[in-house]
Protein backbone atom coordinates (compact mmCIF):
# COMPACT_ATOMS: atom_id res chain seq x y z
CA MET A 1 5.99 20.00 -29.61
CA ALA A 2 9.18 18.23 -29.82
CA ARG A 3 11.71 20.00 -27.74
CA LYS A 4 15.81 19.10 -27.22
CA ILE A 5 16.99 17.35 -24.50
CA GLY A 6 20.88 18.48 -24.04
CA SER A 7 22.91 18.28 -27.04
CA ARG A 8 21.83 14.59 -27.83
CA TYR A 9 18.41 13.92 -27.22
CA THR A 10 14.74 14.69 -28.58
CA ALA A 11 11.81 14.91 -26.81
CA ASN A 12 9.09 14.25 -28.68
CA GLN A 13 5.92 13.25 -27.13
CA ILE A 14 4.98 13.32 -23.26
CA LEU A 15 3.93 9.54 -21.80
CA GLY A 16 3.16 10.54 -18.59
CA ARG A 17 3.24 12.90 -15.79
CA GLY A 18 4.54 12.84 -11.86
CA SER A 19 5.19 15.25 -8.93
CA ALA A 20 8.74 14.65 -9.67
CA GLY A 21 8.59 15.45 -13.47
CA THR A 22 7.36 14.42 -16.96
CA VAL A 23 8.15 11.30 -19.10
CA TRP A 24 8.55 12.15 -22.74
CA LEU A 25 8.92 9.62 -25.46
CA GLY A 26 12.03 10.53 -26.81
CA GLU A 27 15.31 10.13 -29.59
CA GLY A 28 18.47 9.25 -28.95
CA PRO A 29 22.01 8.44 -31.37
CA GLU A 30 20.68 4.66 -30.39
CA GLY A 31 17.01 4.62 -30.86
CA PRO A 32 14.00 5.34 -28.95
CA VAL A 33 14.68 6.09 -25.31
CA ALA A 34 12.65 7.13 -21.86
CA ILE A 35 13.73 11.01 -20.72
CA LYS A 36 12.31 11.82 -17.75
CA LEU A 37 12.71 15.78 -17.24
CA LEU A 38 12.50 16.87 -13.36
CA ARG A 39 10.55 20.04 -12.44
CA GLU A 40 12.46 23.13 -13.06
CA ASP A 41 12.15 23.93 -9.41
CA LEU A 42 14.43 21.01 -8.76
CA ALA A 43 16.94 21.79 -11.88
CA SER A 44 17.15 25.12 -10.45
CA ASP A 45 18.40 23.87 -7.22
CA GLN A 46 22.44 23.73 -7.26
CA GLU A 47 22.67 21.28 -4.39
CA LEU A 48 20.03 18.85 -6.06
CA VAL A 49 21.97 19.47 -9.43
CA GLY A 50 25.10 18.72 -7.64
CA ARG A 51 23.93 15.24 -5.98
CA PHE A 52 22.71 14.74 -9.52
CA VAL A 53 25.77 14.25 -10.93
CA GLN A 54 27.47 12.76 -8.14
CA GLU A 55 24.90 9.88 -8.07
CA ARG A 56 25.78 9.42 -12.30
CA THR A 57 28.25 6.57 -11.89
CA ALA A 58 26.14 4.54 -9.34
CA LEU A 59 23.02 4.89 -11.56
CA LEU A 60 24.95 4.53 -14.78
CA GLY A 61 26.50 0.94 -13.86
CA LEU A 62 23.34 -0.35 -12.52
CA GLU A 63 22.28 -3.29 -15.15
CA HIS A 64 19.97 -5.76 -14.85
CA PRO A 65 17.29 -7.27 -16.41
CA ASN A 66 14.40 -6.22 -13.76
CA VAL A 67 15.95 -3.02 -13.47
CA VAL A 68 15.24 0.03 -16.20
CA SER A 69 18.56 1.41 -17.01
CA VAL A 70 19.38 4.59 -16.75
CA ARG A 71 21.35 5.29 -20.21
CA ASP A 72 22.70 8.64 -19.42
CA LEU A 73 22.32 11.94 -16.74
CA VAL A 74 21.57 15.47 -18.88
CA VAL A 75 22.66 18.75 -17.12
CA ASP A 76 21.60 21.48 -19.35
CA GLY A 77 20.32 25.28 -18.10
CA ASN A 78 17.34 24.84 -16.78
CA ASP A 79 17.17 20.80 -17.71
CA LEU A 80 17.72 17.94 -15.50
CA ALA A 81 16.97 14.47 -17.14
CA LEU A 82 17.65 10.76 -16.47
CA VAL A 83 17.70 9.06 -19.84
CA MET A 84 16.40 5.56 -19.50
CA ASP A 85 15.39 2.54 -21.67
CA LEU A 86 11.78 2.62 -23.31
CA VAL A 87 9.95 -0.14 -21.46
CA ARG A 88 6.92 -1.04 -24.68
CA GLY A 89 4.14 -1.74 -21.87
CA THR A 90 2.59 -0.38 -19.24
CA ASP A 91 3.03 0.11 -15.49
CA LEU A 92 1.92 -2.39 -12.43
CA ARG A 93 -0.81 0.57 -11.18
CA THR A 94 -2.47 0.79 -14.62
CA ARG A 95 -3.15 -3.35 -14.40
CA LEU A 96 -4.07 -3.19 -10.88
CA ASP A 97 -6.64 -0.26 -11.74
CA ARG A 98 -7.92 -2.41 -14.60
CA GLU A 99 -8.43 -5.94 -12.97
CA ARG A 100 -7.98 -4.86 -8.86
CA ARG A 101 -6.23 -7.97 -8.00
CA LEU A 102 -3.92 -10.18 -9.80
CA ALA A 103 -4.00 -14.16 -9.49
CA PRO A 104 -1.40 -15.39 -6.94
CA GLU A 105 0.62 -16.90 -9.41
CA ALA A 106 0.96 -13.89 -11.73
CA ALA A 107 1.65 -11.36 -8.49
CA VAL A 108 4.10 -13.58 -6.80
CA ALA A 109 6.03 -13.90 -10.26
CA ILE A 110 6.18 -9.98 -10.58
CA ALA A 111 6.95 -9.53 -7.42
CA ALA A 112 9.88 -12.19 -7.99
CA ASP A 113 11.01 -10.28 -10.83
CA VAL A 114 10.96 -7.15 -8.47
CA ALA A 115 13.16 -8.74 -6.02
CA GLU A 116 15.78 -9.87 -8.26
CA GLY A 117 15.83 -6.29 -9.49
CA LEU A 118 16.10 -4.85 -5.80
CA ALA A 119 18.59 -7.82 -5.15
CA ALA A 120 21.15 -6.25 -8.02
CA ALA A 121 20.64 -2.87 -7.05
CA HIS A 122 21.07 -3.56 -3.20
CA ALA A 123 24.58 -5.40 -4.21
CA ALA A 124 25.56 -2.33 -5.61
CA GLY A 125 24.58 -0.10 -2.87
CA VAL A 126 22.04 1.41 -4.39
CA VAL A 127 18.57 1.40 -2.46
CA HIS A 128 15.15 2.14 -4.47
CA ARG A 129 13.52 3.98 -1.50
CA ASP A 130 10.37 3.97 -3.53
CA VAL A 131 9.00 0.79 -4.45
CA LYS A 132 4.96 0.91 -5.65
CA PRO A 133 3.04 -0.38 -8.72
CA GLU A 134 3.98 3.11 -10.20
CA ASN A 135 7.36 2.47 -10.40
CA VAL A 136 6.83 -1.30 -11.44
CA LEU A 137 7.07 -1.15 -15.60
CA LEU A 138 5.91 -4.25 -17.64
CA ASP A 139 7.10 -5.49 -20.81
CA MET A 140 4.42 -6.17 -23.13
CA GLN A 141 6.73 -7.33 -25.75
CA GLY A 142 8.60 -9.90 -24.16
CA PRO A 143 7.49 -13.57 -23.74
CA LEU A 144 4.78 -14.46 -21.00
CA GLY A 145 6.00 -15.98 -17.27
CA PRO A 146 4.11 -17.74 -15.03
CA GLY A 147 0.64 -17.15 -14.64
CA GLY A 148 0.47 -15.43 -18.06
CA SER A 149 2.84 -12.51 -16.13
CA HIS A 150 4.83 -9.69 -18.19
CA ARG A 151 8.65 -9.38 -17.18
CA ALA A 152 8.34 -6.75 -14.29
CA LEU A 153 11.13 -4.27 -14.40
CA LEU A 154 11.73 -2.15 -11.57
CA THR A 155 12.51 1.73 -12.58
CA ASP A 156 12.94 5.06 -11.04
CA PHE A 157 16.31 4.29 -9.13
CA GLY A 158 17.12 7.42 -7.26
CA ILE A 159 14.64 9.94 -7.75
CA ALA A 160 13.76 9.49 -4.51
CA LYS A 161 17.35 10.24 -3.17
CA LEU A 162 18.10 13.03 -5.33
CA ILE A 163 14.87 15.01 -4.30
CA ASP A 164 15.71 14.27 -0.63
CA SER A 165 18.26 16.28 0.20
CA PRO A 166 18.84 17.78 3.75
CA ARG A 167 18.24 21.45 2.45
CA ARG A 168 15.33 20.40 0.86
CA THR A 169 13.38 18.22 3.85
CA ARG A 170 15.68 18.80 7.29
CA ALA A 171 15.66 16.10 9.82
CA THR A 172 11.62 16.26 10.10
CA LYS A 173 11.11 15.49 7.24
CA ILE A 174 10.22 12.18 4.78
CA ILE A 175 9.69 11.28 1.57
CA GLY A 176 7.68 8.75 -0.27
CA THR A 177 3.99 7.27 -0.64
CA PRO A 178 2.41 6.45 2.60
CA ASP A 179 1.27 3.40 2.07
CA TYR A 180 4.66 2.03 1.02
CA LEU A 181 6.83 3.52 3.95
CA ALA A 182 8.08 1.22 6.57
CA PRO A 183 8.14 1.95 9.97
CA GLU A 184 11.63 2.98 10.71
CA ILE A 185 11.27 5.41 7.59
CA VAL A 186 8.01 7.13 9.79
CA GLU A 187 10.39 6.95 12.87
CA GLY A 188 13.09 9.01 11.09
CA LEU A 189 15.86 5.96 10.18
CA PRO A 190 18.06 6.20 7.71
CA PRO A 191 16.94 4.18 4.70
CA ARG A 192 18.25 0.56 4.40
CA ALA A 193 17.91 -2.15 1.80
CA ALA A 194 15.19 -3.37 4.07
CA VAL A 195 13.18 -0.38 3.46
CA ASP A 196 12.75 -1.74 -0.44
CA ILE A 197 12.14 -5.88 1.11
CA TYR A 198 9.13 -4.06 3.20
CA ALA A 199 7.42 -1.98 -0.08
CA LEU A 200 7.42 -4.63 -2.30
CA ALA A 201 6.35 -7.08 0.27
CA THR A 202 3.44 -4.64 0.50
CA VAL A 203 2.92 -4.43 -3.13
CA LEU A 204 2.66 -7.72 -3.22
CA TYR A 205 0.15 -7.94 -0.75
CA GLU A 206 -1.91 -5.53 -2.93
CA LEU A 207 -1.61 -7.55 -5.79
CA LEU A 208 -2.98 -10.17 -4.29
CA ALA A 209 -6.25 -8.23 -1.78
CA GLY A 210 -6.74 -5.32 -4.13
CA PHE A 211 -5.57 -2.78 -0.97
CA THR A 212 -2.29 -2.44 1.02
CA PRO A 213 -2.48 -3.54 4.02
CA PHE A 214 -2.42 -0.04 6.09
CA GLY A 215 -3.87 2.57 3.99
CA GLY A 216 -6.50 4.07 3.73
CA GLY A 217 -7.72 7.61 5.33
CA HIS A 218 -5.69 10.41 6.26
CA PRO A 219 -1.80 10.22 5.98
CA GLY A 220 -1.19 10.30 9.19
CA ALA A 221 -3.22 7.56 10.11
CA VAL A 222 -1.68 5.31 7.60
CA LEU A 223 1.66 6.08 9.01
CA ARG A 224 1.02 5.56 12.19
CA ARG A 225 -0.70 2.42 11.41
CA HIS A 226 2.53 1.30 9.84
CA VAL A 227 4.21 1.53 13.08
CA THR A 228 1.65 0.18 15.20
CA GLU A 229 -0.81 -2.38 13.91
CA THR A 230 0.17 -5.72 12.41
CA VAL A 231 -1.08 -7.25 8.93
CA VAL A 232 -4.08 -9.43 9.34
CA PRO A 233 -4.07 -12.56 7.24
CA LEU A 234 -5.54 -12.83 3.77
CA PRO A 235 -7.78 -16.29 3.33
CA GLY A 236 -7.38 -18.26 0.58
CA ILE A 237 -3.33 -18.55 0.15
CA PRO A 238 -0.82 -21.26 1.02
CA GLU A 239 0.80 -20.67 5.13
CA GLU A 240 4.13 -20.58 3.23
CA LEU A 241 3.64 -17.77 1.21
CA TRP A 242 1.63 -15.94 4.44
CA GLN A 243 4.54 -16.37 6.23
CA LEU A 244 6.85 -14.69 3.47
CA LEU A 245 4.69 -11.62 3.42
CA VAL A 246 4.80 -11.74 7.26
CA GLN A 247 8.33 -11.63 7.53
CA CYS A 248 8.92 -9.11 4.65
CA LEU A 249 6.28 -6.46 6.99
CA ALA A 250 7.96 -7.61 9.97
CA LYS A 251 8.90 -3.99 11.95
CA ALA A 252 12.12 -4.68 12.72
CA PRO A 253 13.97 -4.28 9.45
CA ALA A 254 16.88 -7.27 10.59
CA SER A 255 13.79 -9.45 10.47
CA ARG A 256 13.32 -8.76 6.74
CA LEU A 257 14.83 -11.34 4.32
CA ARG A 258 17.29 -9.81 1.59
CA ALA A 259 16.44 -8.94 -1.68
CA SER A 260 18.05 -12.24 -3.30
CA GLU A 261 16.49 -14.56 -0.73
CA LEU A 262 12.95 -13.13 -1.25
CA ALA A 263 13.25 -13.75 -4.67
CA SER A 264 14.47 -17.40 -4.58
CA ARG A 265 11.60 -17.89 -1.73
CA LEU A 266 9.20 -16.23 -3.92
CA ARG A 267 10.02 -18.76 -7.07
CA GLU A 268 9.94 -21.80 -5.26
CA GLN A 269 5.71 -21.13 -4.51
CA LEU A 270 5.08 -20.65 -8.07
CA PRO A 271 4.12 -24.37 -8.50
CA ALA A 272 1.71 -24.50 -5.52
CA LEU A 273 -0.02 -21.34 -7.36
CA ARG A 274 -0.64 -22.24 -10.46
CA GLY A 275 -4.43 -22.41 -11.94
CA MET A 276 -5.33 -20.72 -8.86
CA PRO A 277 -7.83 -17.84 -8.84
CA PRO A 278 -7.61 -13.94 -7.76
CA LEU A 279 -8.74 -13.74 -3.73
CA ASP A 280 -12.25 -13.20 -3.02
CA VAL A 281 -12.01 -10.95 -0.40
CA ASP A 282 -13.53 -7.27 0.29
CA GLU A 283 -11.56 -4.13 1.06
CA PRO A 284 -11.53 -2.94 4.91
CA ASP A 285 -13.76 0.24 5.06
CA ALA A 286 -11.73 3.41 5.44
CA GLU A 287 -12.42 5.37 8.46
CA PRO A 288 -13.13 8.64 8.17
CA GLU A 289 -10.65 10.60 9.85
CA GLU A 290 -11.28 14.20 8.51
CA PRO A 291 -14.28 16.02 7.80
CA SER A 292 -13.31 15.83 3.85
CA GLN A 293 -13.56 12.23 4.39
CA THR A 294 -17.20 11.90 5.64
CA PRO A 295 -19.65 10.31 3.38
CA PRO A 296 -21.95 12.80 2.10
CA ALA A 297 -25.45 13.24 2.32
CA GLY A 298 -27.89 10.87 0.36
CA PRO A 299 -30.56 8.54 -0.01
CA PRO A 300 -30.03 5.88 2.89
CA GLU A 301 -29.77 3.43 0.66
CA THR A 302 -26.69 4.25 -1.24
CA PRO A 303 -23.51 2.41 0.25
CA VAL A 304 -20.32 5.13 0.13
CA ARG A 305 -17.20 3.41 -1.01
CA VAL A 306 -13.75 5.15 0.12
CA ARG A 307 -10.91 4.25 -2.29
CA ARG A 308 -8.34 3.12 -0.16
CA GLY A 309 -4.78 3.52 -1.69
CA ALA A 310 -2.28 7.13 -2.14
CA VAL A 311 -3.75 10.40 -0.88
CA PRO A 312 -2.32 13.95 -1.13
CA LEU A 313 -0.10 15.30 0.75
CA VAL A 314 -1.24 18.44 0.84
CA PRO A 315 -4.75 19.30 2.04
CA GLY A 316 -7.18 20.22 -1.10
CA ALA A 317 -4.67 19.04 -3.62
CA LYS A 318 -5.27 16.31 -5.53
CA PRO A 319 -3.10 13.10 -6.08
CA ASP A 320 -0.85 13.03 -9.61
CA SER A 321 -2.58 10.68 -12.10
CA ASN A 322 -0.42 8.15 -11.79
CA ARG A 323 0.10 8.65 -7.79
CA ASP A 324 4.11 9.67 -8.21
CA THR A 325 4.21 10.88 -4.83
CA HIS A 326 7.82 12.18 -4.18
CA THR A 327 6.19 14.51 -1.24
CA SER A 328 7.68 15.55 1.70
CA MET A 329 5.70 15.16 5.01
CA ARG A 330 6.08 15.63 8.81
CA VAL A 331 7.51 12.83 10.65
CA PRO A 332 5.30 11.84 13.68
CA ALA A 333 5.80 12.52 17.09
CA PRO A 334 6.55 9.98 18.97
CA ASP A 335 3.69 10.71 20.80
CA GLU A 336 1.27 10.87 17.97
CA LEU A 337 2.44 7.30 17.02
CA ALA A 338 1.86 5.95 20.42
CA GLY A 339 -1.68 6.84 20.43
CA GLY A 340 -2.35 4.62 17.61
CA ALA A 341 -4.50 1.51 18.75
CA ARG A 342 -2.16 -1.57 18.91
CA GLY A 343 -2.67 -4.46 17.69
CA THR A 344 -4.19 -6.22 14.33
CA ALA A 345 -4.91 -4.01 11.36
CA ARG A 346 -8.66 -4.16 10.26
CA ALA A 347 -9.37 -7.19 8.72
CA PRO A 348 -10.41 -7.44 5.45
CA ARG A 349 -14.35 -8.25 4.65
CA ALA A 350 -15.44 -11.43 3.79
CA ALA A 351 -17.28 -11.28 0.00
CA GLY A 352 -20.99 -10.58 0.35
CA ALA A 353 -20.30 -9.13 4.19
CA PRO A 354 -22.49 -5.89 5.14
CA ARG A 355 -19.91 -3.35 4.47
CA PRO A 356 -19.92 -1.49 8.09
CA GLY A 357 -22.17 2.01 7.94
CA SER A 358 -24.24 0.83 4.60
CA ALA A 359 -28.07 0.58 5.21
CA ARG A 360 -28.28 -3.62 4.76
CA HIS A 361 -25.53 -3.04 7.51
CA ARG A 362 -27.92 -0.83 9.42
CA ALA A 363 -30.68 -2.79 9.10
CA THR A 364 -28.71 -6.11 10.57
CA THR A 365 -27.71 -4.02 13.51
CA ARG A 366 -31.34 -2.87 14.42
CA ARG A 367 -33.37 -6.46 13.63
CA ARG A 368 -30.45 -7.49 16.04
CA ARG A 369 -31.40 -4.68 18.33
CA LEU A 370 -34.87 -5.21 18.28
CA ILE A 371 -34.57 -8.95 18.94
CA LEU A 372 -32.56 -8.39 22.59
CA ALA A 373 -35.24 -6.12 23.44
CA VAL A 374 -37.71 -8.26 22.66
CA ALA A 375 -35.82 -10.96 24.51
CA ALA A 376 -35.45 -8.88 27.27
CA VAL A 377 -38.67 -7.74 28.05
CA ALA A 378 -39.95 -11.25 27.80
CA VAL A 379 -36.97 -12.61 30.58
CA ALA A 380 -38.33 -9.59 32.37
CA ALA A 381 -42.08 -10.43 32.07
CA ALA A 382 -41.11 -14.23 32.66
CA ALA A 383 -39.57 -13.28 36.35
CA GLY A 384 -42.57 -11.05 37.26
CA THR A 385 -44.85 -13.28 36.71
CA GLY A 386 -43.04 -15.90 38.95
CA ALA A 387 -42.49 -13.59 41.71
CA TRP A 388 -46.10 -12.81 41.56
CA LEU A 389 -46.84 -16.44 42.32
CA ALA A 390 -44.47 -17.38 44.32
CA THR A 391 -46.18 -14.24 46.38
CA SER A 392 -49.41 -15.63 46.33
CA ASP A 393 -49.23 -19.43 47.64
CA GLU A 394 -46.93 -18.23 50.77
CA ALA A 395 -50.17 -15.83 51.35
CA ALA A 396 -52.41 -18.84 50.60
CA SER A 397 -50.23 -21.66 52.55
CA PRO A 398 -47.37 -20.05 54.65
CA GLN A 399 -47.08 -23.41 56.67
CA ASP A 400 -45.64 -24.72 53.13
CA THR A 401 -43.00 -22.54 52.69
CA LYS A 402 -40.80 -24.61 55.19
CA ASN A 403 -40.37 -27.38 53.99
CA THR A 404 -39.21 -26.33 50.28
CA ALA A 405 -35.44 -26.11 49.18
CA PRO A 406 -34.13 -23.37 47.45
CA ALA A 407 -33.87 -23.82 43.36
CA SER A 408 -30.77 -25.27 42.13
CA PRO A 409 -28.22 -22.46 40.56
């Protein structure tokens, strides 16, 4: 059912829902638009409405081919809405759900587009703070780019900042999606432009591998890995591209590239990636870190696969259909972060390798144990026989033993 948004816009059809609000296909004075209508509880927060109005100038002034432009901000009664350009296409999460991973050339081209959009935003003093596949739209009506990629546009600028008010989150809360949060956010530091670079590098890793480098399991464990673990190499990609990823996933914000530098370096990689197929790696196994993730009882031959990625931050809740998780959670204390295993994150398995905990893995483990046990018995038996023969010889010919040299070690 159509509804009026302010005096100039009409929302006609729901395009999608997220935890921050609902996106509608709408109509305005200049034609079709996308209208993001924020939740009613957000619209009733006077402090947030004030911040919304304050951000108006910065958001309306952000124009770039790789950014979904905000045309208007509407505050009308219980309605709090962003009116944005309508992109005819889909989001990057939908494509990932369909294809699992992309060919490296297409993945890098998409990441370069997003980096260029971030460069324009950072130059205008705007930090996105929630870069993730759900917030990257693919323009299906424009020309194809390298690797058959569609032009990528970054959307939802300002949403995380608007919701992250001091009263709403206090000093012990963070906002964002756990898989893409930079270590400094986890440690409670203010978000700067470098957090977007870290998140984009995480997205690129996911486009290449089919999973995020530190995701899987309970949100607290994911946050801890961002701070305490280092990323493992992805087999099959050029070393120069891997070094770019490593630099942008550095724990220290100052070590990461600026968005403009990252975009340029990614473009330089494209010729070497032409024609390269998607990587053939398998996802690391999610660790059962809470009772709800314990594999259910079932036939022993049925391996259980736990999907990595975004998880609900409230126990018992289901993630939004588009994984739009603008939800606050507690910042882990220093001792909790220090309690994580320092070192390298769990490595991806080679394709075809048995998954730990699967029936095949258990059978392989049993065979190895049986072989070791048989070998141990054989060694013990041989040692016992040798000792018995030596004792028999000594008893029969004691005079010969004094001329026998000790065996060589």
